[in-house]
C-alpha cells in the first residue's frame, strides 16, 4: 500500500494528515469556493480540500495504514474507548 493519497491535484503523504472533516465545509460567504468540500488538515496548519470520493479514500487509507479500527461492535473481547 502506498503512503500517498491523491486529493485534488496533490499526492498527500498519510503521515502528514492530522484530521479529516466529517461534514462538508459551509461558511455562507457568497464568494466561497470550498463549500461542499471536506477539509483535510495537514501538519503545520495547511489544508487540502477533498470531494466525497477523495475523502472516503483518504479515511479508508488512513484506517488501513494504522491497522484498522478493530472488530465491529458487539464482538467478545472488544475494549470500549
PDB file of N, CA and C in Angstrom:
ATOM      1  N   UNK A   1       0.842  -1.183   0.000  1.00  0.00           N
ATOM      2  CA  UNK A   1       0.000   0.000   0.000  1.00  0.00           C
ATOM      3  C   UNK A   1       0.885   1.243   0.000  1.00  0.00           C
ATOM      4  N   UNK A   2       0.528   2.208  -0.801  1.00  0.00           N
ATOM      5  CA  UNK A   2       1.267   3.455  -0.880  1.00  0.00           C
ATOM      6  C   UNK A   2       0.953   4.340   0.320  1.00  0.00           C
ATOM      7  N   UNK A   3       1.925   5.140   0.747  1.00  0.00           N
ATOM      8  CA  UNK A   3       1.674   6.096   1.826  1.00  0.00           C
ATOM      9  C   UNK A   3       1.142   7.414   1.280  1.00  0.00           C
ATOM     10  N   UNK A   4       0.898   7.469  -0.034  1.00  0.00           N
ATOM     11  CA  UNK A   4       0.372   8.669  -0.670  1.00  0.00           C
ATOM     12  C   UNK A   4      -1.090   8.470  -1.046  1.00  0.00           C
ATOM     13  N   UNK A   5      -1.875   9.527  -0.888  1.00  0.00           N
ATOM     14  CA  UNK A   5      -3.275   9.501  -1.297  1.00  0.00           C
ATOM     15  C   UNK A   5      -3.532  10.791  -2.076  1.00  0.00           C
ATOM     16  N   UNK A   6      -4.177  10.676  -3.211  1.00  0.00           N
ATOM     17  CA  UNK A   6      -4.407  11.848  -4.048  1.00  0.00           C
ATOM     18  C   UNK A   6      -5.645  12.612  -3.575  1.00  0.00           C
ATOM     19  N   UNK A   7      -5.465  13.906  -3.368  1.00  0.00           N
ATOM     20  CA  UNK A   7      -6.552  14.821  -3.008  1.00  0.00           C
ATOM     21  C   UNK A   7      -6.426  16.011  -3.939  1.00  0.00           C
ATOM     22  N   UNK A   8      -7.484  16.264  -4.699  1.00  0.00           N
ATOM     23  CA  UNK A   8      -7.474  17.308  -5.721  1.00  0.00           C
ATOM     24  C   UNK A   8      -6.363  16.971  -6.704  1.00  0.00           C
ATOM     25  N   UNK A   9      -5.368  17.802  -6.839  1.00  0.00           N
ATOM     26  CA  UNK A   9      -4.275  17.510  -7.766  1.00  0.00           C
ATOM     27  C   UNK A   9      -2.966  17.257  -7.027  1.00  0.00           C
ATOM     28  N   UNK A  10      -3.076  16.850  -5.744  1.00  0.00           N
ATOM     29  CA  UNK A  10      -1.892  16.660  -4.911  1.00  0.00           C
ATOM     30  C   UNK A  10      -1.815  15.230  -4.384  1.00  0.00           C
ATOM     31  N   UNK A  11      -0.608  14.710  -4.275  1.00  0.00           N
ATOM     32  CA  UNK A  11      -0.369  13.443  -3.607  1.00  0.00           C
ATOM     33  C   UNK A  11       0.054  13.769  -2.181  1.00  0.00           C
ATOM     34  N   UNK A  12      -0.799  13.419  -1.220  1.00  0.00           N
ATOM     35  CA  UNK A  12      -0.587  13.768   0.181  1.00  0.00           C
ATOM     36  C   UNK A  12      -0.050  12.552   0.933  1.00  0.00           C
ATOM     37  N   UNK A  13       1.108  12.692   1.624  1.00  0.00           N
ATOM     38  CA  UNK A  13       1.590  11.586   2.454  1.00  0.00           C
ATOM     39  C   UNK A  13       0.658  11.390   3.652  1.00  0.00           C
ATOM     40  N   UNK A  14       0.249  10.157   3.911  1.00  0.00           N
ATOM     41  CA  UNK A  14      -0.686   9.880   5.006  1.00  0.00           C
ATOM     42  C   UNK A  14      -0.169  10.371   6.351  1.00  0.00           C
ATOM     43  N   UNK A  15       1.146  10.322   6.567  1.00  0.00           N
ATOM     44  CA  UNK A  15       1.699  10.727   7.860  1.00  0.00           C
ATOM     45  C   UNK A  15       1.585  12.228   8.125  1.00  0.00           C
ATOM     46  N   UNK A  16       1.239  13.016   7.120  1.00  0.00           N
ATOM     47  CA  UNK A  16       1.058  14.456   7.316  1.00  0.00           C
ATOM     48  C   UNK A  16      -0.370  14.828   7.714  1.00  0.00           C
ATOM     49  N   UNK A  17      -1.317  13.897   7.599  1.00  0.00           N
ATOM     50  CA  UNK A  17      -2.734  14.176   7.864  1.00  0.00           C
ATOM     51  C   UNK A  17      -2.979  14.220   9.375  1.00  0.00           C
ATOM     52  N   UNK A  18      -3.556  15.339   9.844  1.00  0.00           N
ATOM     53  CA  UNK A  18      -3.900  15.491  11.256  1.00  0.00           C
ATOM     54  C   UNK A  18      -5.341  15.047  11.496  1.00  0.00           C
ATOM     55  N   UNK A  19      -6.247  15.445  10.613  1.00  0.00           N
ATOM     56  CA  UNK A  19      -7.650  15.031  10.693  1.00  0.00           C
ATOM     57  C   UNK A  19      -8.342  15.254   9.357  1.00  0.00           C
ATOM     58  N   UNK A  20      -9.512  14.591   9.232  1.00  0.00           N
ATOM     59  CA  UNK A  20     -10.343  14.705   8.037  1.00  0.00           C
ATOM     60  C   UNK A  20     -11.739  15.106   8.499  1.00  0.00           C
ATOM     61  N   UNK A  21     -12.304  16.148   7.896  1.00  0.00           N
ATOM     62  CA  UNK A  21     -13.624  16.639   8.295  1.00  0.00           C
ATOM     63  C   UNK A  21     -14.702  15.587   8.061  1.00  0.00           C
ATOM     64  N   UNK A  22     -15.626  15.508   9.014  1.00  0.00           N
ATOM     65  CA  UNK A  22     -16.745  14.574   8.913  1.00  0.00           C
ATOM     66  C   UNK A  22     -17.903  15.168   8.121  1.00  0.00           C
ATOM     67  N   UNK A  23     -17.965  16.502   8.059  1.00  0.00           N
ATOM     68  CA  UNK A  23     -19.031  17.180   7.330  1.00  0.00           C
ATOM     69  C   UNK A  23     -18.426  18.151   6.320  1.00  0.00           C
ATOM     70  N   UNK A  24     -19.129  18.413   5.249  1.00  0.00           N
ATOM     71  CA  UNK A  24     -18.603  19.345   4.247  1.00  0.00           C
ATOM     72  C   UNK A  24     -18.564  20.775   4.773  1.00  0.00           C
ATOM     73  N   UNK A  25     -17.651  21.547   4.232  1.00  0.00           N
ATOM     74  CA  UNK A  25     -17.467  22.945   4.613  1.00  0.00           C
ATOM     75  C   UNK A  25     -18.685  23.773   4.216  1.00  0.00           C
ATOM     76  N   UNK A  26     -19.107  24.649   5.116  1.00  0.00           N
ATOM     77  CA  UNK A  26     -20.157  25.620   4.825  1.00  0.00           C
ATOM     78  C   UNK A  26     -19.894  26.857   5.671  1.00  0.00           C
ATOM     79  N   UNK A  27     -19.621  27.991   5.018  1.00  0.00           N
ATOM     80  CA  UNK A  27     -19.377  29.227   5.763  1.00  0.00           C
ATOM     81  C   UNK A  27     -20.417  30.294   5.446  1.00  0.00           C
ATOM     82  N   UNK A  28     -21.152  30.136   4.351  1.00  0.00           N
ATOM     83  CA  UNK A  28     -22.186  31.089   3.994  1.00  0.00           C
ATOM     84  C   UNK A  28     -21.705  32.298   3.211  1.00  0.00           C
ATOM     85  N   UNK A  29     -20.406  32.417   3.011  1.00  0.00           N
ATOM     86  CA  UNK A  29     -19.877  33.543   2.236  1.00  0.00           C
ATOM     87  C   UNK A  29     -20.210  33.345   0.755  1.00  0.00           C
ATOM     88  N   UNK A  30     -20.650  34.410   0.104  1.00  0.00           N
ATOM     89  CA  UNK A  30     -21.052  34.313  -1.300  1.00  0.00           C
ATOM     90  C   UNK A  30     -19.907  33.918  -2.229  1.00  0.00           C
ATOM     91  N   UNK A  31     -18.690  34.346  -1.904  1.00  0.00           N
ATOM     92  CA  UNK A  31     -17.560  34.085  -2.788  1.00  0.00           C
ATOM     93  C   UNK A  31     -16.728  32.861  -2.382  1.00  0.00           C
ATOM     94  N   UNK A  32     -17.234  32.050  -1.454  1.00  0.00           N
ATOM     95  CA  UNK A  32     -16.507  30.859  -1.006  1.00  0.00           C
ATOM     96  C   UNK A  32     -16.472  29.811  -2.120  1.00  0.00           C
ATOM     97  N   UNK A  33     -15.288  29.299  -2.385  1.00  0.00           N
ATOM     98  CA  UNK A  33     -15.136  28.279  -3.426  1.00  0.00           C
ATOM     99  C   UNK A  33     -14.959  26.881  -2.837  1.00  0.00           C
ATOM    100  N   UNK A  34     -15.044  26.749  -1.519  1.00  0.00           N
ATOM    101  CA  UNK A  34     -14.812  25.463  -0.862  1.00  0.00           C
ATOM    102  C   UNK A  34     -16.064  24.831  -0.264  1.00  0.00           C
ATOM    103  N   UNK A  35     -17.215  25.474  -0.401  1.00  0.00           N
ATOM    104  CA  UNK A  35     -18.433  24.906   0.156  1.00  0.00           C
ATOM    105  C   UNK A  35     -18.735  23.577  -0.513  1.00  0.00           C
ATOM    106  N   UNK A  36     -19.091  22.596   0.320  1.00  0.00           N
ATOM    107  CA  UNK A  36     -19.390  21.265  -0.182  1.00  0.00           C
ATOM    108  C   UNK A  36     -18.183  20.344  -0.225  1.00  0.00           C
ATOM    109  N   UNK A  37     -16.991  20.878   0.019  1.00  0.00           N
ATOM    110  CA  UNK A  37     -15.777  20.068   0.056  1.00  0.00           C
ATOM    111  C   UNK A  37     -15.404  19.769   1.501  1.00  0.00           C
ATOM    112  N   UNK A  38     -14.641  18.700   1.699  1.00  0.00           N
ATOM    113  CA  UNK A  38     -14.207  18.275   3.025  1.00  0.00           C
ATOM    114  C   UNK A  38     -12.769  18.725   3.255  1.00  0.00           C
ATOM    115  N   UNK A  39     -12.526  19.335   4.401  1.00  0.00           N
ATOM    116  CA  UNK A  39     -11.177  19.777   4.726  1.00  0.00           C
ATOM    117  C   UNK A  39     -10.355  18.591   5.219  1.00  0.00           C
ATOM    118  N   UNK A  40      -9.163  18.465   4.680  1.00  0.00           N
ATOM    119  CA  UNK A  40      -8.184  17.500   5.165  1.00  0.00           C
ATOM    120  C   UNK A  40      -7.056  18.340   5.745  1.00  0.00           C
ATOM    121  N   UNK A  41      -6.983  18.372   7.077  1.00  0.00           N
ATOM    122  CA  UNK A  41      -5.988  19.225   7.741  1.00  0.00           C
ATOM    123  C   UNK A  41      -4.656  18.498   7.808  1.00  0.00           C
ATOM    124  N   UNK A  42      -3.629  19.206   7.394  1.00  0.00           N
ATOM    125  CA  UNK A  42      -2.276  18.672   7.411  1.00  0.00           C
ATOM    126  C   UNK A  42      -1.482  19.341   8.516  1.00  0.00           C
ATOM    127  N   UNK A  43      -0.338  18.774   8.835  1.00  0.00           N
ATOM    128  CA  UNK A  43       0.513  19.389   9.844  1.00  0.00           C
ATOM    129  C   UNK A  43       0.923  20.790   9.386  1.00  0.00           C
ATOM    130  N   UNK A  44       1.368  21.603  10.320  1.00  0.00           N
ATOM    131  CA  UNK A  44       1.820  22.972  10.086  1.00  0.00           C
ATOM    132  C   UNK A  44       0.709  23.883   9.582  1.00  0.00           C
ATOM    133  N   UNK A  45      -0.541  23.577   9.935  1.00  0.00           N
ATOM    134  CA  UNK A  45      -1.662  24.451   9.627  1.00  0.00           C
ATOM    135  C   UNK A  45      -2.109  24.475   8.175  1.00  0.00           C
ATOM    136  N   UNK A  46      -1.606  23.577   7.361  1.00  0.00           N
ATOM    137  CA  UNK A  46      -2.007  23.512   5.962  1.00  0.00           C
ATOM    138  C   UNK A  46      -3.264  22.661   5.812  1.00  0.00           C
ATOM    139  N   UNK A  47      -4.006  22.891   4.740  1.00  0.00           N
ATOM    140  CA  UNK A  47      -5.196  22.101   4.430  1.00  0.00           C
ATOM    141  C   UNK A  47      -5.270  21.845   2.940  1.00  0.00           C
ATOM    142  N   UNK A  48      -5.897  20.726   2.594  1.00  0.00           N
ATOM    143  CA  UNK A  48      -6.304  20.457   1.219  1.00  0.00           C
ATOM    144  C   UNK A  48      -7.790  20.155   1.279  1.00  0.00           C
ATOM    145  N   UNK A  49      -8.458  20.291   0.149  1.00  0.00           N
ATOM    146  CA  UNK A  49      -9.919  20.144   0.108  1.00  0.00           C
ATOM    147  C   UNK A  49     -10.293  18.981  -0.781  1.00  0.00           C
ATOM    148  N   UNK A  50     -11.085  18.056  -0.220  1.00  0.00           N
ATOM    149  CA  UNK A  50     -11.432  16.820  -0.910  1.00  0.00           C
ATOM    150  C   UNK A  50     -12.912  16.764  -1.246  1.00  0.00           C
ATOM    151  N   UNK A  51     -13.230  16.123  -2.381  1.00  0.00           N
ATOM    152  CA  UNK A  51     -14.627  15.836  -2.682  1.00  0.00           C
ATOM    153  C   UNK A  51     -15.020  14.567  -1.922  1.00  0.00           C
ATOM    154  N   UNK A  52     -16.264  14.094  -2.082  1.00  0.00           N
ATOM    155  CA  UNK A  52     -16.742  12.899  -1.367  1.00  0.00           C
ATOM    156  C   UNK A  52     -15.841  11.686  -1.602  1.00  0.00           C
ATOM    157  N   UNK A  53     -15.560  11.419  -2.859  1.00  0.00           N
ATOM    158  CA  UNK A  53     -14.770  10.238  -3.213  1.00  0.00           C
ATOM    159  C   UNK A  53     -13.369  10.316  -2.608  1.00  0.00           C
ATOM    160  N   UNK A  54     -12.729  11.469  -2.709  1.00  0.00           N
ATOM    161  CA  UNK A  54     -11.377  11.633  -2.168  1.00  0.00           C
ATOM    162  C   UNK A  54     -11.368  11.520  -0.645  1.00  0.00           C
ATOM    163  N   UNK A  55     -12.385  12.080   0.004  1.00  0.00           N
ATOM    164  CA  UNK A  55     -12.483  11.994   1.465  1.00  0.00           C
ATOM    165  C   UNK A  55     -12.634  10.549   1.905  1.00  0.00           C
ATOM    166  N   UNK A  56     -13.515   9.804   1.245  1.00  0.00           N
ATOM    167  CA  UNK A  56     -13.716   8.397   1.585  1.00  0.00           C
ATOM    168  C   UNK A  56     -12.445   7.584   1.368  1.00  0.00           C
ATOM    169  N   UNK A  57     -11.753   7.855   0.283  1.00  0.00           N
ATOM    170  CA  UNK A  57     -10.498   7.155   0.003  1.00  0.00           C
ATOM    171  C   UNK A  57      -9.450   7.500   1.062  1.00  0.00           C
ATOM    172  N   UNK A  58      -9.380   8.752   1.471  1.00  0.00           N
ATOM    173  CA  UNK A  58      -8.406   9.163   2.490  1.00  0.00           C
ATOM    174  C   UNK A  58      -8.683   8.457   3.815  1.00  0.00           C
ATOM    175  N   UNK A  59      -9.933   8.443   4.264  1.00  0.00           N
ATOM    176  CA  UNK A  59     -10.237   7.796   5.540  1.00  0.00           C
ATOM    177  C   UNK A  59      -9.985   6.282   5.454  1.00  0.00           C
ATOM    178  N   UNK A  60     -10.307   5.682   4.322  1.00  0.00           N
ATOM    179  CA  UNK A  60     -10.045   4.248   4.127  1.00  0.00           C
ATOM    180  C   UNK A  60      -8.545   3.964   4.209  1.00  0.00           C
ATOM    181  N   UNK A  61      -7.757   4.775   3.521  1.00  0.00           N
ATOM    182  CA  UNK A  61      -6.307   4.591   3.515  1.00  0.00           C
ATOM    183  C   UNK A  61      -5.706   4.798   4.901  1.00  0.00           C
ATOM    184  N   UNK A  62      -6.193   5.808   5.630  1.00  0.00           N
ATOM    185  CA  UNK A  62      -5.690   6.052   6.985  1.00  0.00           C
ATOM    186  C   UNK A  62      -5.999   4.877   7.905  1.00  0.00           C
ATOM    187  N   UNK A  63      -7.206   4.330   7.804  1.00  0.00           N
ATOM    188  CA  UNK A  63      -7.575   3.178   8.628  1.00  0.00           C
ATOM    189  C   UNK A  63      -6.711   1.965   8.297  1.00  0.00           C
ATOM    190  N   UNK A  64      -6.460   1.724   7.032  1.00  0.00           N
ATOM    191  CA  UNK A  64      -5.610   0.605   6.625  1.00  0.00           C
ATOM    192  C   UNK A  64      -4.174   0.814   7.101  1.00  0.00           C
ATOM    193  N   UNK A  65      -3.684   2.031   6.955  1.00  0.00           N
ATOM    194  CA  UNK A  65      -2.313   2.352   7.318  1.00  0.00           C
ATOM    195  C   UNK A  65      -2.087   2.165   8.818  1.00  0.00           C
ATOM    196  N   UNK A  66      -3.090   2.484   9.618  1.00  0.00           N
ATOM    197  CA  UNK A  66      -2.982   2.359  11.069  1.00  0.00           C
ATOM    198  C   UNK A  66      -3.478   1.019  11.585  1.00  0.00           C
ATOM    199  N   UNK A  67      -3.814   0.106  10.716  1.00  0.00           N
ATOM    200  CA  UNK A  67      -4.215  -1.224  11.128  1.00  0.00           C
ATOM    201  C   UNK A  67      -5.698  -1.387  11.379  1.00  0.00           C
ATOM    202  N   UNK A  68      -6.511  -0.449  10.953  1.00  0.00           N
ATOM    203  CA  UNK A  68      -7.958  -0.570  11.107  1.00  0.00           C
ATOM    204  C   UNK A  68      -8.437  -0.104  12.471  1.00  0.00           C
ATOM    205  N   UNK A  69      -9.743  -0.137  12.642  1.00  0.00           N
ATOM    206  CA  UNK A  69     -10.356   0.348  13.872  1.00  0.00           C
ATOM    207  C   UNK A  69     -10.716  -0.771  14.835  1.00  0.00           C
ATOM    208  N   UNK A  70     -10.366  -1.997  14.528  1.00  0.00           N
ATOM    209  CA  UNK A  70     -10.671  -3.096  15.421  1.00  0.00           C
ATOM    210  C   UNK A  70     -11.928  -3.827  15.007  1.00  0.00           C
ATOM    211  N   UNK A  71     -12.358  -4.801  15.842  1.00  0.00           N
ATOM    212  CA  UNK A  71     -13.534  -5.598  15.493  1.00  0.00           C
ATOM    213  C   UNK A  71     -14.815  -4.781  15.550  1.00  0.00           C
ATOM    214  N   UNK A  72     -15.845  -5.188  14.798  1.00  0.00           N
ATOM    215  CA  UNK A  72     -17.127  -4.479  14.839  1.00  0.00           C
ATOM    216  C   UNK A  72     -17.734  -4.521  16.239  1.00  0.00           C
ATOM    217  N   UNK A  73     -18.651  -3.615  16.525  1.00  0.00           N
ATOM    218  CA  UNK A  73     -19.317  -3.550  17.831  1.00  0.00           C
ATOM    219  C   UNK A  73     -19.964  -4.881  18.177  1.00  0.00           C
ATOM    220  N   UNK A  74     -19.894  -5.228  19.436  1.00  0.00           N
ATOM    221  CA  UNK A  74     -20.598  -6.411  19.912  1.00  0.00           C
ATOM    222  C   UNK A  74     -19.791  -7.687  19.912  1.00  0.00           C
ATOM    223  N   UNK A  75     -18.592  -7.695  19.384  1.00  0.00           N
ATOM    224  CA  UNK A  75     -17.790  -8.910  19.400  1.00  0.00           C
ATOM    225  C   UNK A  75     -17.128  -9.083  20.766  1.00  0.00           C
ATOM    226  N   UNK A  76     -17.042 -10.323  21.274  1.00  0.00           N
ATOM    227  CA  UNK A  76     -16.416 -10.561  22.562  1.00  0.00           C
ATOM    228  C   UNK A  76     -14.951 -10.117  22.573  1.00  0.00           C
ATOM    229  N   UNK A  77     -14.521  -9.606  23.715  1.00  0.00           N
ATOM    230  CA  UNK A  77     -13.135  -9.193  23.860  1.00  0.00           C
ATOM    231  C   UNK A  77     -12.854  -7.792  23.391  1.00  0.00           C
ATOM    232  N   UNK A  78     -13.858  -7.105  22.936  1.00  0.00           N
ATOM    233  CA  UNK A  78     -13.662  -5.754  22.425  1.00  0.00           C
ATOM    234  C   UNK A  78     -13.578  -4.780  23.609  1.00  0.00           C
ATOM    235  N   UNK A  79     -12.576  -3.927  23.575  1.00  0.00           N
ATOM    236  CA  UNK A  79     -12.465  -2.934  24.633  1.00  0.00           C
ATOM    237  C   UNK A  79     -13.238  -1.684  24.243  1.00  0.00           C
ATOM    238  N   UNK A  80     -13.824  -1.040  25.193  1.00  0.00           N
ATOM    239  CA  UNK A  80     -14.574   0.195  24.944  1.00  0.00           C
ATOM    240  C   UNK A  80     -13.659   1.390  25.160  1.00  0.00           C
ATOM    241  N   UNK A  81     -13.802   2.411  24.337  1.00  0.00           N
ATOM    242  CA  UNK A  81     -12.960   3.607  24.486  1.00  0.00           C
ATOM    243  C   UNK A  81     -13.424   4.348  25.653  1.00  0.00           C
TER     244      UNK A  81
END
